[in-house]
Amino acid sequence: MFSLFQKATQKPLQTPPRLRGSIRVSREGIEELLDVEEFEKATQAAFVPQLDFADGSLLADLAKRGEKLQKKEKLTREQLWFGAYYKKEIESLFFPDVVVKWIAPFLGWGVFANRDFKKLEYIAQYSGKVRKRQKGDDKNAYCFEYVHAQGHPTPYIIDARDQGGISRYINHSDSPNLLPALATLNQITHVILIANQPISKGTQLCYDYGPDYWSRRTPPTPL
């Protein structure tokens, strides 16, 4: 795995650091604290809360693309501001105060607030393996298109099927309380999730996956 916060080169990069501590999980009404290894076993996915690049040359390409777009002023003020404002959360192993609950076999896991959240509070970034798009990715429900800015796609996606952070477990809603937004930091763009309204403790966190996602998949189950 390749860490984001090193100089983009074709040389091997360090493995992203692992989250330390416990994750609050609820199954069949029983709430417990699991360490990362136990959580991974329960969810059948590696817990990696930062972007993980397939190789150093991919990271270098993305940094170069981001630099060109920034020079051409194609990056919005909002995404640059978000990158600066949420820099600490993006660069760290930030973990929100939430409970990951098993809902039902047809829906799987969901993420619920363990305290009240204020509007614009940072929740997570959409993390996973950043790699080139492949045939059949339309059938992968955990793929998120990697873009530097709206209207500027890349040949890459963020694949969270086998690994990802807390955002991997956040469900879709047509009336979401989270907003997905672009945040650019050091020429690398992140998809972050922030509260678009005050959220009360016990509320399920959700965001709108978007029409492109559902145009290729079965319509979502209402929450």
C-alpha atoms as a PDB file:
ATOM      1  CA  MET A   1       0.000   0.000   0.000  1.00  0.00           C
ATOM      2  CA  PHE A   2       1.132   3.535  -0.676  1.00  0.00           C
ATOM      3  CA  SER A   3       0.784   6.494   1.648  1.00  0.00           C
ATOM      4  CA  LEU A   4      -0.580   9.782   0.364  1.00  0.00           C
ATOM      5  CA  PHE A   5       1.540  12.051   2.502  1.00  0.00           C
ATOM      6  CA  GLN A   6       4.929  11.457   0.943  1.00  0.00           C
ATOM      7  CA  LYS A   7       6.482  12.944  -2.148  1.00  0.00           C
ATOM      8  CA  ALA A   8       4.919  11.430  -5.274  1.00  0.00           C
ATOM      9  CA  THR A   9       7.557   9.261  -6.912  1.00  0.00           C
ATOM     10  CA  GLN A  10       7.760   5.867  -8.536  1.00  0.00           C
ATOM     11  CA  LYS A  11       9.670   4.528  -5.540  1.00  0.00           C
ATOM     12  CA  PRO A  12       7.845   2.350  -2.992  1.00  0.00           C
ATOM     13  CA  LEU A  13       5.980   4.379  -0.369  1.00  0.00           C
ATOM     14  CA  GLN A  14       5.260   3.471   3.229  1.00  0.00           C
ATOM     15  CA  THR A  15       2.154   1.561   4.256  1.00  0.00           C
ATOM     16  CA  PRO A  16      -0.512   3.910   5.698  1.00  0.00           C
ATOM     17  CA  PRO A  17      -0.567   3.810   9.525  1.00  0.00           C
ATOM     18  CA  ARG A  18      -3.182   1.668  11.250  1.00  0.00           C
ATOM     19  CA  LEU A  19      -5.929   3.025  13.444  1.00  0.00           C
ATOM     20  CA  ARG A  20      -5.348   2.316  17.114  1.00  0.00           C
ATOM     21  CA  GLY A  21      -8.155   2.009  19.597  1.00  0.00           C
ATOM     22  CA  SER A  22     -11.642   0.546  19.424  1.00  0.00           C
ATOM     23  CA  ILE A  23     -14.643   0.815  17.104  1.00  0.00           C
ATOM     24  CA  ARG A  24     -18.135   0.822  18.596  1.00  0.00           C
ATOM     25  CA  VAL A  25     -20.274  -1.890  16.965  1.00  0.00           C
ATOM     26  CA  SER A  26     -23.863  -2.996  17.512  1.00  0.00           C
ATOM     27  CA  ARG A  27     -25.198  -6.395  16.423  1.00  0.00           C
ATOM     28  CA  GLU A  28     -28.640  -7.775  17.318  1.00  0.00           C
ATOM     29  CA  GLY A  29     -29.074  -5.051  19.911  1.00  0.00           C
ATOM     30  CA  ILE A  30     -25.784  -5.806  21.661  1.00  0.00           C
ATOM     31  CA  GLU A  31     -23.235  -2.978  21.602  1.00  0.00           C
ATOM     32  CA  GLU A  32     -19.531  -3.696  22.050  1.00  0.00           C
ATOM     33  CA  LEU A  33     -16.107  -2.214  21.424  1.00  0.00           C
ATOM     34  CA  LEU A  34     -13.987  -4.068  18.867  1.00  0.00           C
ATOM     35  CA  ASP A  35     -10.335  -3.535  18.084  1.00  0.00           C
ATOM     36  CA  VAL A  36      -9.441  -3.062  14.413  1.00  0.00           C
ATOM     37  CA  GLU A  37      -8.649  -6.733  13.795  1.00  0.00           C
ATOM     38  CA  GLU A  38     -11.966  -7.826  15.338  1.00  0.00           C
ATOM     39  CA  PHE A  39     -13.840  -5.181  13.327  1.00  0.00           C
ATOM     40  CA  GLU A  40     -12.207  -6.352  10.104  1.00  0.00           C
ATOM     41  CA  LYS A  41     -13.216  -9.925  10.852  1.00  0.00           C
ATOM     42  CA  ALA A  42     -16.814  -8.873  11.559  1.00  0.00           C
ATOM     43  CA  THR A  43     -17.140  -6.757   8.399  1.00  0.00           C
ATOM     44  CA  GLN A  44     -14.984  -8.888   6.064  1.00  0.00           C
ATOM     45  CA  ALA A  45     -12.995  -5.828   4.926  1.00  0.00           C
ATOM     46  CA  ALA A  46      -9.679  -4.213   5.877  1.00  0.00           C
ATOM     47  CA  PHE A  47     -10.080  -0.948   7.790  1.00  0.00           C
ATOM     48  CA  VAL A  48      -8.001   1.699   5.969  1.00  0.00           C
ATOM     49  CA  PRO A  49      -9.313   5.248   6.618  1.00  0.00           C
ATOM     50  CA  GLN A  50      -6.969   6.989   4.132  1.00  0.00           C
ATOM     51  CA  LEU A  51      -6.576   6.785   0.364  1.00  0.00           C
ATOM     52  CA  ASP A  52      -4.349   3.872  -0.606  1.00  0.00           C
ATOM     53  CA  PHE A  53      -2.651   4.211  -4.000  1.00  0.00           C
ATOM     54  CA  ALA A  54      -1.952   1.159  -6.148  1.00  0.00           C
ATOM     55  CA  ASP A  55       1.584   2.397  -6.906  1.00  0.00           C
ATOM     56  CA  GLY A  56       3.802   5.460  -6.706  1.00  0.00           C
ATOM     57  CA  SER A  57       3.487   6.321 -10.397  1.00  0.00           C
ATOM     58  CA  LEU A  58      -0.302   6.618 -10.025  1.00  0.00           C
ATOM     59  CA  LEU A  59       0.119   9.048  -7.139  1.00  0.00           C
ATOM     60  CA  ALA A  60       2.644  11.036  -9.174  1.00  0.00           C
ATOM     61  CA  ASP A  61       0.222  11.221 -12.113  1.00  0.00           C
ATOM     62  CA  LEU A  62      -2.610  12.474  -9.894  1.00  0.00           C
ATOM     63  CA  ALA A  63      -0.379  15.105  -8.295  1.00  0.00           C
ATOM     64  CA  LYS A  64       0.687  16.307 -11.752  1.00  0.00           C
ATOM     65  CA  ARG A  65      -2.914  16.481 -12.967  1.00  0.00           C
ATOM     66  CA  GLY A  66      -3.936  18.369  -9.837  1.00  0.00           C
ATOM     67  CA  GLU A  67      -1.100  20.864 -10.221  1.00  0.00           C
ATOM     68  CA  LYS A  68      -2.064  21.597 -13.831  1.00  0.00           C
ATOM     69  CA  LEU A  69      -5.724  22.118 -12.946  1.00  0.00           C
ATOM     70  CA  GLN A  70      -4.821  24.407 -10.061  1.00  0.00           C
ATOM     71  CA  LYS A  71      -2.602  26.542 -12.309  1.00  0.00           C
ATOM     72  CA  LYS A  72      -5.467  26.787 -14.797  1.00  0.00           C
ATOM     73  CA  GLU A  73      -7.784  27.775 -11.912  1.00  0.00           C
ATOM     74  CA  LYS A  74     -10.068  24.804 -12.577  1.00  0.00           C
ATOM     75  CA  LEU A  75     -10.222  23.858  -8.904  1.00  0.00           C
ATOM     76  CA  THR A  76     -13.038  25.658  -7.105  1.00  0.00           C
ATOM     77  CA  ARG A  77     -12.444  27.955  -4.164  1.00  0.00           C
ATOM     78  CA  GLU A  78     -14.727  25.711  -2.125  1.00  0.00           C
ATOM     79  CA  GLN A  79     -12.677  22.534  -2.640  1.00  0.00           C
ATOM     80  CA  LEU A  80      -9.426  24.358  -1.907  1.00  0.00           C
ATOM     81  CA  TRP A  81     -10.979  25.886   1.202  1.00  0.00           C
ATOM     82  CA  PHE A  82     -12.280  22.494   2.333  1.00  0.00           C
ATOM     83  CA  GLY A  83      -8.805  21.034   1.797  1.00  0.00           C
ATOM     84  CA  ALA A  84      -7.255  23.704   4.016  1.00  0.00           C
ATOM     85  CA  TYR A  85     -10.047  23.756   6.617  1.00  0.00           C
ATOM     86  CA  TYR A  86     -10.189  19.971   7.086  1.00  0.00           C
ATOM     87  CA  LYS A  87      -6.439  19.413   6.613  1.00  0.00           C
ATOM     88  CA  LYS A  88      -5.959  17.930  10.096  1.00  0.00           C
ATOM     89  CA  GLU A  89      -8.807  15.429   9.661  1.00  0.00           C
ATOM     90  CA  ILE A  90      -7.761  14.424   6.134  1.00  0.00           C
ATOM     91  CA  GLU A  91      -4.124  13.836   7.087  1.00  0.00           C
ATOM     92  CA  SER A  92      -4.842  11.993  10.324  1.00  0.00           C
ATOM     93  CA  LEU A  93      -6.548   8.736  11.203  1.00  0.00           C
ATOM     94  CA  PHE A  94      -9.626  10.734  12.189  1.00  0.00           C
ATOM     95  CA  PHE A  95     -12.516   8.626  13.472  1.00  0.00           C
ATOM     96  CA  PRO A  96     -15.937  10.149  14.237  1.00  0.00           C
ATOM     97  CA  ASP A  97     -17.942   9.345  17.352  1.00  0.00           C
ATOM     98  CA  VAL A  98     -20.297   6.823  15.754  1.00  0.00           C
ATOM     99  CA  VAL A  99     -21.725   3.337  16.156  1.00  0.00           C
ATOM    100  CA  VAL A 100     -21.520   0.847  13.287  1.00  0.00           C
ATOM    101  CA  LYS A 101     -24.732  -1.198  13.440  1.00  0.00           C
ATOM    102  CA  TRP A 102     -25.774  -4.356  11.631  1.00  0.00           C
ATOM    103  CA  ILE A 103     -29.223  -3.493  10.231  1.00  0.00           C
ATOM    104  CA  ALA A 104     -30.408  -6.467   8.158  1.00  0.00           C
ATOM    105  CA  PRO A 105     -29.056  -8.911   5.552  1.00  0.00           C
ATOM    106  CA  PHE A 106     -30.653  -6.977   2.660  1.00  0.00           C
ATOM    107  CA  LEU A 107     -29.109  -3.681   3.803  1.00  0.00           C
ATOM    108  CA  GLY A 108     -26.035  -4.700   5.754  1.00  0.00           C
ATOM    109  CA  TRP A 109     -24.243  -2.266   8.047  1.00  0.00           C
ATOM    110  CA  GLY A 110     -25.140   1.327   8.809  1.00  0.00           C
ATOM    111  CA  VAL A 111     -23.466   4.168  10.703  1.00  0.00           C
ATOM    112  CA  PHE A 112     -25.254   6.016  13.516  1.00  0.00           C
ATOM    113  CA  ALA A 113     -24.287   9.160  15.422  1.00  0.00           C
ATOM    114  CA  ASN A 114     -23.058   8.476  18.963  1.00  0.00           C
ATOM    115  CA  ARG A 115     -23.371  12.171  19.840  1.00  0.00           C
ATOM    116  CA  ASP A 116     -24.917  15.305  18.383  1.00  0.00           C
ATOM    117  CA  PHE A 117     -23.110  16.665  15.303  1.00  0.00           C
ATOM    118  CA  LYS A 118     -23.165  20.296  14.204  1.00  0.00           C
ATOM    119  CA  LYS A 119     -23.684  21.453  10.637  1.00  0.00           C
ATOM    120  CA  LEU A 120     -20.444  21.286   8.594  1.00  0.00           C
ATOM    121  CA  GLU A 121     -18.753  18.885  11.010  1.00  0.00           C
ATOM    122  CA  TYR A 122     -16.342  16.546   9.265  1.00  0.00           C
ATOM    123  CA  ILE A 123     -17.359  12.882   9.358  1.00  0.00           C
ATOM    124  CA  ALA A 124     -14.977  10.982   7.068  1.00  0.00           C
ATOM    125  CA  GLN A 125     -13.375  10.780   3.667  1.00  0.00           C
ATOM    126  CA  TYR A 126     -14.291   8.110   1.156  1.00  0.00           C
ATOM    127  CA  SER A 127     -11.219   5.912   1.312  1.00  0.00           C
ATOM    128  CA  GLY A 128     -10.139   2.739  -0.432  1.00  0.00           C
ATOM    129  CA  LYS A 129      -7.737   1.506  -3.082  1.00  0.00           C
ATOM    130  CA  VAL A 130      -7.103   4.149  -5.752  1.00  0.00           C
ATOM    131  CA  ARG A 131      -6.532   2.302  -9.016  1.00  0.00           C
ATOM    132  CA  LYS A 132      -7.225   2.422 -12.740  1.00  0.00           C
ATOM    133  CA  ARG A 133     -10.784   1.795 -13.809  1.00  0.00           C
ATOM    134  CA  GLN A 134     -11.438  -1.754 -14.983  1.00  0.00           C
ATOM    135  CA  LYS A 135     -14.103  -3.575 -16.948  1.00  0.00           C
ATOM    136  CA  GLY A 136     -16.823  -4.710 -14.589  1.00  0.00           C
ATOM    137  CA  ASP A 137     -16.432  -1.850 -12.101  1.00  0.00           C
ATOM    138  CA  ASP A 138     -20.060  -0.870 -12.782  1.00  0.00           C
ATOM    139  CA  LYS A 139     -21.032  -3.997 -10.860  1.00  0.00           C
ATOM    140  CA  ASN A 140     -18.857  -3.060  -7.884  1.00  0.00           C
ATOM    141  CA  ALA A 141     -21.120  -1.249  -5.408  1.00  0.00           C
ATOM    142  CA  TYR A 142     -18.126   0.178  -3.541  1.00  0.00           C
ATOM    143  CA  CYS A 143     -16.535   2.147  -6.407  1.00  0.00           C
ATOM    144  CA  PHE A 144     -16.381   5.956  -6.285  1.00  0.00           C
ATOM    145  CA  GLU A 145     -15.144   7.845  -9.330  1.00  0.00           C
ATOM    146  CA  TYR A 146     -11.930   9.765  -8.689  1.00  0.00           C
ATOM    147  CA  VAL A 147     -12.124  13.318 -10.016  1.00  0.00           C
ATOM    148  CA  HIS A 148      -9.930  16.326  -9.334  1.00  0.00           C
ATOM    149  CA  ALA A 149     -12.787  18.741  -9.982  1.00  0.00           C
ATOM    150  CA  GLN A 150     -16.289  18.617 -11.410  1.00  0.00           C
ATOM    151  CA  GLY A 151     -16.020  18.048 -15.160  1.00  0.00           C
ATOM    152  CA  HIS A 152     -12.446  16.777 -14.915  1.00  0.00           C
ATOM    153  CA  PRO A 153     -12.568  12.985 -14.583  1.00  0.00           C
ATOM    154  CA  THR A 154      -9.540  10.725 -14.417  1.00  0.00           C
ATOM    155  CA  PRO A 155      -9.035   7.077 -15.450  1.00  0.00           C
ATOM    156  CA  TYR A 156      -9.036   6.166 -11.756  1.00  0.00           C
ATOM    157  CA  ILE A 157     -11.564   5.076  -9.140  1.00  0.00           C
ATOM    158  CA  ILE A 158     -11.608   4.639  -5.360  1.00  0.00           C
ATOM    159  CA  ASP A 159     -12.451   0.993  -4.701  1.00  0.00           C
ATOM    160  CA  ALA A 160     -13.660   0.268  -1.154  1.00  0.00           C
ATOM    161  CA  ARG A 161     -14.933  -3.268  -1.717  1.00  0.00           C
ATOM    162  CA  ASP A 162     -12.090  -4.981   0.144  1.00  0.00           C
ATOM    163  CA  GLN A 163     -10.850  -2.083   2.246  1.00  0.00           C
ATOM    164  CA  GLY A 164     -11.991   1.335   3.367  1.00  0.00           C
ATOM    165  CA  GLY A 165     -12.809   3.574   6.298  1.00  0.00           C
ATOM    166  CA  ILE A 166     -16.046   4.354   8.106  1.00  0.00           C
ATOM    167  CA  SER A 167     -17.566   5.891   4.942  1.00  0.00           C
ATOM    168  CA  ARG A 168     -17.699   2.397   3.451  1.00  0.00           C
ATOM    169  CA  TYR A 169     -20.588   1.598   5.812  1.00  0.00           C
ATOM    170  CA  ILE A 170     -22.651   4.775   5.338  1.00  0.00           C
ATOM    171  CA  ASN A 171     -25.898   4.116   3.474  1.00  0.00           C
ATOM    172  CA  HIS A 172     -27.729   6.035   0.743  1.00  0.00           C
ATOM    173  CA  SER A 173     -30.746   8.257   1.354  1.00  0.00           C
ATOM    174  CA  ASP A 174     -32.799  10.552  -0.875  1.00  0.00           C
ATOM    175  CA  SER A 175     -33.002  12.884   2.133  1.00  0.00           C
ATOM    176  CA  PRO A 176     -29.408  12.773   3.375  1.00  0.00           C
ATOM    177  CA  ASN A 177     -27.901  14.446   6.417  1.00  0.00           C
ATOM    178  CA  LEU A 178     -24.372  14.279   4.986  1.00  0.00           C
ATOM    179  CA  LEU A 179     -22.954  16.097   1.990  1.00  0.00           C
ATOM    180  CA  PRO A 180     -20.209  14.595  -0.203  1.00  0.00           C
ATOM    181  CA  ALA A 181     -17.757  17.303  -1.219  1.00  0.00           C
ATOM    182  CA  LEU A 182     -14.374  17.613  -2.924  1.00  0.00           C
ATOM    183  CA  ALA A 183     -11.444  18.764  -0.791  1.00  0.00           C
ATOM    184  CA  THR A 184      -8.079  19.332  -2.460  1.00  0.00           C
ATOM    185  CA  LEU A 185      -4.879  19.254  -0.424  1.00  0.00           C
ATOM    186  CA  ASN A 186      -1.360  19.256  -1.918  1.00  0.00           C
ATOM    187  CA  GLN A 187      -2.794  18.736  -5.438  1.00  0.00           C
ATOM    188  CA  ILE A 188      -4.619  15.558  -4.353  1.00  0.00           C
ATOM    189  CA  THR A 189      -8.411  15.651  -4.190  1.00  0.00           C
ATOM    190  CA  HIS A 190     -10.395  13.774  -1.558  1.00  0.00           C
ATOM    191  CA  VAL A 191     -14.110  13.005  -1.382  1.00  0.00           C
ATOM    192  CA  ILE A 192     -15.173  14.019   2.112  1.00  0.00           C
ATOM    193  CA  LEU A 193     -18.477  13.657   3.938  1.00  0.00           C
ATOM    194  CA  ILE A 194     -19.642  16.547   6.130  1.00  0.00           C
ATOM    195  CA  ALA A 195     -22.871  17.194   8.010  1.00  0.00           C
ATOM    196  CA  ASN A 196     -25.267  19.318   5.947  1.00  0.00           C
ATOM    197  CA  GLN A 197     -27.492  19.919   8.980  1.00  0.00           C
ATOM    198  CA  PRO A 198     -27.453  19.379  12.750  1.00  0.00           C
ATOM    199  CA  ILE A 199     -27.603  15.624  13.476  1.00  0.00           C
ATOM    200  CA  SER A 200     -28.973  14.212  16.732  1.00  0.00           C
ATOM    201  CA  LYS A 201     -27.425  11.331  18.622  1.00  0.00           C
ATOM    202  CA  GLY A 202     -28.867   8.005  17.468  1.00  0.00           C
ATOM    203  CA  THR A 203     -29.612   9.191  13.922  1.00  0.00           C
ATOM    204  CA  GLN A 204     -28.371   7.115  11.001  1.00  0.00           C
ATOM    205  CA  LEU A 205     -25.791   8.967   8.888  1.00  0.00           C
ATOM    206  CA  CYS A 206     -26.459   8.863   5.144  1.00  0.00           C
ATOM    207  CA  TYR A 207     -25.681  10.628   1.897  1.00  0.00           C
ATOM    208  CA  ASP A 208     -27.059  10.640  -1.641  1.00  0.00           C
ATOM    209  CA  TYR A 209     -25.004   8.297  -3.832  1.00  0.00           C
ATOM    210  CA  GLY A 210     -26.154  10.232  -6.919  1.00  0.00           C
ATOM    211  CA  PRO A 211     -28.087   9.397 -10.124  1.00  0.00           C
ATOM    212  CA  ASP A 212     -25.058   7.981 -11.953  1.00  0.00           C
ATOM    213  CA  TYR A 213     -24.600   5.349  -9.254  1.00  0.00           C
ATOM    214  CA  TRP A 214     -28.222   4.179  -9.358  1.00  0.00           C
ATOM    215  CA  SER A 215     -28.503   4.323 -13.163  1.00  0.00           C
ATOM    216  CA  ARG A 216     -26.445   1.112 -13.261  1.00  0.00           C
ATOM    217  CA  ARG A 217     -27.804  -0.591 -10.153  1.00  0.00           C
ATOM    218  CA  THR A 218     -30.997  -1.772  -8.455  1.00  0.00           C
ATOM    219  CA  PRO A 219     -32.924   1.134  -6.838  1.00  0.00           C
ATOM    220  CA  PRO A 220     -32.049   1.559  -3.155  1.00  0.00           C
ATOM    221  CA  THR A 221     -34.056   0.238  -0.229  1.00  0.00           C
ATOM    222  CA  PRO A 222     -35.610   3.165   1.670  1.00  0.00           C
ATOM    223  CA  LEU A 223     -34.048   3.710   5.101  1.00  0.00           C
END
